[in-house]
C-alpha atoms as a PDB file:
ATOM      1  CA  MET A   1     114.159  32.069  60.384  1.00  0.00           C
ATOM      2  CA  SER A   2     110.977  30.327  59.368  1.00  0.00           C
ATOM      3  CA  ALA A   3     107.321  32.105  59.414  1.00  0.00           C
ATOM      4  CA  PRO A   4     105.023  31.767  62.588  1.00  0.00           C
ATOM      5  CA  PRO A   5     102.082  29.419  61.667  1.00  0.00           C
ATOM      6  CA  ARG A   6      99.081  30.681  60.791  1.00  0.00           C
ATOM      7  CA  ARG A   7      96.473  31.293  63.456  1.00  0.00           C
ATOM      8  CA  ARG A   8      92.956  29.839  63.033  1.00  0.00           C
ATOM      9  CA  ALA A   9      89.871  31.491  63.811  1.00  0.00           C
ATOM     10  CA  THR A  10      86.311  29.920  63.522  1.00  0.00           C
ATOM     11  CA  VAL A  11      83.163  32.351  62.703  1.00  0.00           C
ATOM     12  CA  VAL A  12      80.056  30.758  64.352  1.00  0.00           C
ATOM     13  CA  ILE A  13      76.874  31.730  62.400  1.00  0.00           C
ATOM     14  CA  PRO A  14      73.531  30.539  64.215  1.00  0.00           C
ATOM     15  CA  VAL A  15      70.756  30.891  61.616  1.00  0.00           C
ATOM     16  CA  TYR A  16      67.116  30.427  61.180  1.00  0.00           C
ATOM     17  CA  CYS A  17      65.385  31.401  57.897  1.00  0.00           C
ATOM     18  CA  GLU A  18      68.371  33.397  56.537  1.00  0.00           C
ATOM     19  CA  ARG A  19      68.594  31.843  52.938  1.00  0.00           C
ATOM     20  CA  ALA A  20      68.398  35.111  51.346  1.00  0.00           C
ATOM     21  CA  THR A  21      71.238  36.996  53.244  1.00  0.00           C
ATOM     22  CA  LEU A  22      73.754  34.026  54.229  1.00  0.00           C
ATOM     23  CA  PRO A  23      75.254  33.301  50.851  1.00  0.00           C
ATOM     24  CA  GLN A  24      76.755  37.083  50.823  1.00  0.00           C
ATOM     25  CA  VAL A  25      77.748  36.848  54.417  1.00  0.00           C
ATOM     26  CA  VAL A  26      79.743  33.807  53.866  1.00  0.00           C
ATOM     27  CA  THR A  27      81.229  35.001  50.656  1.00  0.00           C
ATOM     28  CA  GLU A  28      82.198  38.284  52.780  1.00  0.00           C
ATOM     29  CA  ILE A  29      83.713  36.545  55.427  1.00  0.00           C
ATOM     30  CA  PHE A  30      86.192  34.195  53.404  1.00  0.00           C
ATOM     31  CA  ARG A  31      86.885  37.354  51.516  1.00  0.00           C
ATOM     32  CA  LEU A  32      88.796  38.343  54.647  1.00  0.00           C
ATOM     33  CA  ASP A  33      90.943  35.215  54.705  1.00  0.00           C
ATOM     34  CA  GLY A  34      94.670  36.477  54.984  1.00  0.00           C
ATOM     35  CA  ASP A  35      96.996  36.439  57.887  1.00  0.00           C
ATOM     36  CA  VAL A  36      94.364  33.983  60.015  1.00  0.00           C
ATOM     37  CA  GLU A  37      92.830  30.912  58.616  1.00  0.00           C
ATOM     38  CA  LEU A  38      89.045  30.951  58.827  1.00  0.00           C
ATOM     39  CA  ASP A  39      86.530  28.354  59.222  1.00  0.00           C
ATOM     40  CA  VAL A  40      82.779  29.200  59.155  1.00  0.00           C
ATOM     41  CA  TRP A  41      80.210  27.088  61.060  1.00  0.00           C
ATOM     42  CA  VAL A  42      76.769  27.743  60.099  1.00  0.00           C
ATOM     43  CA  VAL A  43      74.192  26.271  62.852  1.00  0.00           C
ATOM     44  CA  ASP A  44      71.048  25.659  61.322  1.00  0.00           C
ATOM     45  CA  ASP A  45      67.868  25.173  63.617  1.00  0.00           C
ATOM     46  CA  ASN A  46      66.042  23.204  60.792  1.00  0.00           C
ATOM     47  CA  SER A  47      64.968  26.338  58.975  1.00  0.00           C
ATOM     48  CA  PRO A  48      61.849  25.884  56.798  1.00  0.00           C
ATOM     49  CA  ASP A  49      63.118  28.168  54.279  1.00  0.00           C
ATOM     50  CA  GLY A  50      65.841  25.919  52.991  1.00  0.00           C
ATOM     51  CA  THR A  51      68.930  27.649  54.718  1.00  0.00           C
ATOM     52  CA  GLY A  52      70.413  24.373  55.401  1.00  0.00           C
ATOM     53  CA  ALA A  53      70.191  23.247  51.730  1.00  0.00           C
ATOM     54  CA  ALA A  54      71.891  26.934  50.562  1.00  0.00           C
ATOM     55  CA  VAL A  55      74.803  26.131  53.050  1.00  0.00           C
ATOM     56  CA  GLU A  56      75.233  22.940  51.365  1.00  0.00           C
ATOM     57  CA  GLU A  57      75.481  24.665  48.108  1.00  0.00           C
ATOM     58  CA  LEU A  58      77.904  26.835  49.298  1.00  0.00           C
ATOM     59  CA  MET A  59      80.025  24.197  50.873  1.00  0.00           C
ATOM     60  CA  LYS A  60      80.786  23.254  47.182  1.00  0.00           C
ATOM     61  CA  ARG A  61      82.618  26.477  46.937  1.00  0.00           C
ATOM     62  CA  PHE A  62      84.132  27.005  49.967  1.00  0.00           C
ATOM     63  CA  ASP A  63      86.087  23.866  51.724  1.00  0.00           C
ATOM     64  CA  ARG A  64      86.333  25.585  54.920  1.00  0.00           C
ATOM     65  CA  LEU A  65      82.451  26.102  55.409  1.00  0.00           C
ATOM     66  CA  HIS A  66      80.586  23.527  57.613  1.00  0.00           C
ATOM     67  CA  LEU A  67      76.951  23.098  58.562  1.00  0.00           C
ATOM     68  CA  MET A  68      75.518  22.079  62.026  1.00  0.00           C
ATOM     69  CA  SER A  69      72.028  20.977  61.583  1.00  0.00           C
ATOM     70  CA  ARG A  70      69.745  20.847  64.743  1.00  0.00           C
ATOM     71  CA  GLN A  71      66.353  19.341  64.435  1.00  0.00           C
ATOM     72  CA  ARG A  72      64.220  22.098  66.048  1.00  0.00           C
ATOM     73  CA  ALA A  73      64.641  25.755  66.637  1.00  0.00           C
ATOM     74  CA  GLU A  74      66.412  26.103  70.317  1.00  0.00           C
ATOM     75  CA  GLY A  75      67.583  29.910  69.617  1.00  0.00           C
ATOM     76  CA  ARG A  76      70.639  31.714  68.998  1.00  0.00           C
ATOM     77  CA  GLY A  77      72.357  31.120  72.354  1.00  0.00           C
ATOM     78  CA  ALA A  78      71.872  27.300  72.347  1.00  0.00           C
ATOM     79  CA  ALA A  79      72.999  27.087  68.755  1.00  0.00           C
ATOM     80  CA  VAL A  80      76.337  29.358  69.928  1.00  0.00           C
ATOM     81  CA  ILE A  81      76.805  27.253  72.969  1.00  0.00           C
ATOM     82  CA  ASP A  82      76.478  23.608  71.032  1.00  0.00           C
ATOM     83  CA  ALA A  83      78.976  25.230  68.291  1.00  0.00           C
ATOM     84  CA  PHE A  84      81.673  26.519  70.762  1.00  0.00           C
ATOM     85  CA  GLY A  85      81.510  23.497  72.895  1.00  0.00           C
ATOM     86  CA  ARG A  86      82.105  21.250  69.828  1.00  0.00           C
ATOM     87  CA  LEU A  87      84.958  23.453  68.598  1.00  0.00           C
ATOM     88  CA  LEU A  88      86.573  23.628  72.067  1.00  0.00           C
ATOM     89  CA  ALA A  89      86.405  19.748  72.502  1.00  0.00           C
ATOM     90  CA  SER A  90      87.925  19.057  69.176  1.00  0.00           C
ATOM     91  CA  PRO A  91      91.597  17.728  68.778  1.00  0.00           C
ATOM     92  CA  GLU A  92      92.959  21.068  67.665  1.00  0.00           C
ATOM     93  CA  PRO A  93      90.526  23.868  68.855  1.00  0.00           C
ATOM     94  CA  PRO A  94      90.963  27.061  66.766  1.00  0.00           C
ATOM     95  CA  ASP A  95      92.836  30.103  68.183  1.00  0.00           C
ATOM     96  CA  LEU A  96      89.609  32.129  68.277  1.00  0.00           C
ATOM     97  CA  ASN A  97      86.125  31.427  68.278  1.00  0.00           C
ATOM     98  CA  VAL A  98      83.654  34.421  67.255  1.00  0.00           C
ATOM     99  CA  GLU A  99      80.016  34.452  66.627  1.00  0.00           C
ATOM    100  CA  MET A 100      78.097  36.725  63.955  1.00  0.00           C
ATOM    101  CA  ASP A 101      74.693  36.858  62.455  1.00  0.00           C
ATOM    102  CA  GLY A 102      73.634  35.449  59.090  1.00  0.00           C
ATOM    103  CA  ASP A 103      71.355  38.610  57.974  1.00  0.00           C
ATOM    104  CA  GLY A 104      74.362  40.948  57.708  1.00  0.00           C
ATOM    105  CA  SER A 105      73.595  43.072  60.854  1.00  0.00           C
ATOM    106  CA  HIS A 106      76.975  42.516  62.329  1.00  0.00           C
END
């Protein structure tokens, strides 16, 4: 009997000016990778503090980290809706989509 396929989950993190805290949050999420295959999508609303650039650096360490850059700040709700819509429309949507904050408050 073969093992069941690993379930896939995506963590969506809408951010705006969270360069200082996001690297630790992303690192901690990927430490949880066990029975579930985790992907992380960071949705950056054109943060002036360079959050997007920090994500690009982290992407060199984590192959399942993705950046969705938006041109202007439209808020957390719009960022999550955009990301979930893209994930659900993909050819192989994840089994589970969740959202959390990039400042460590979740």
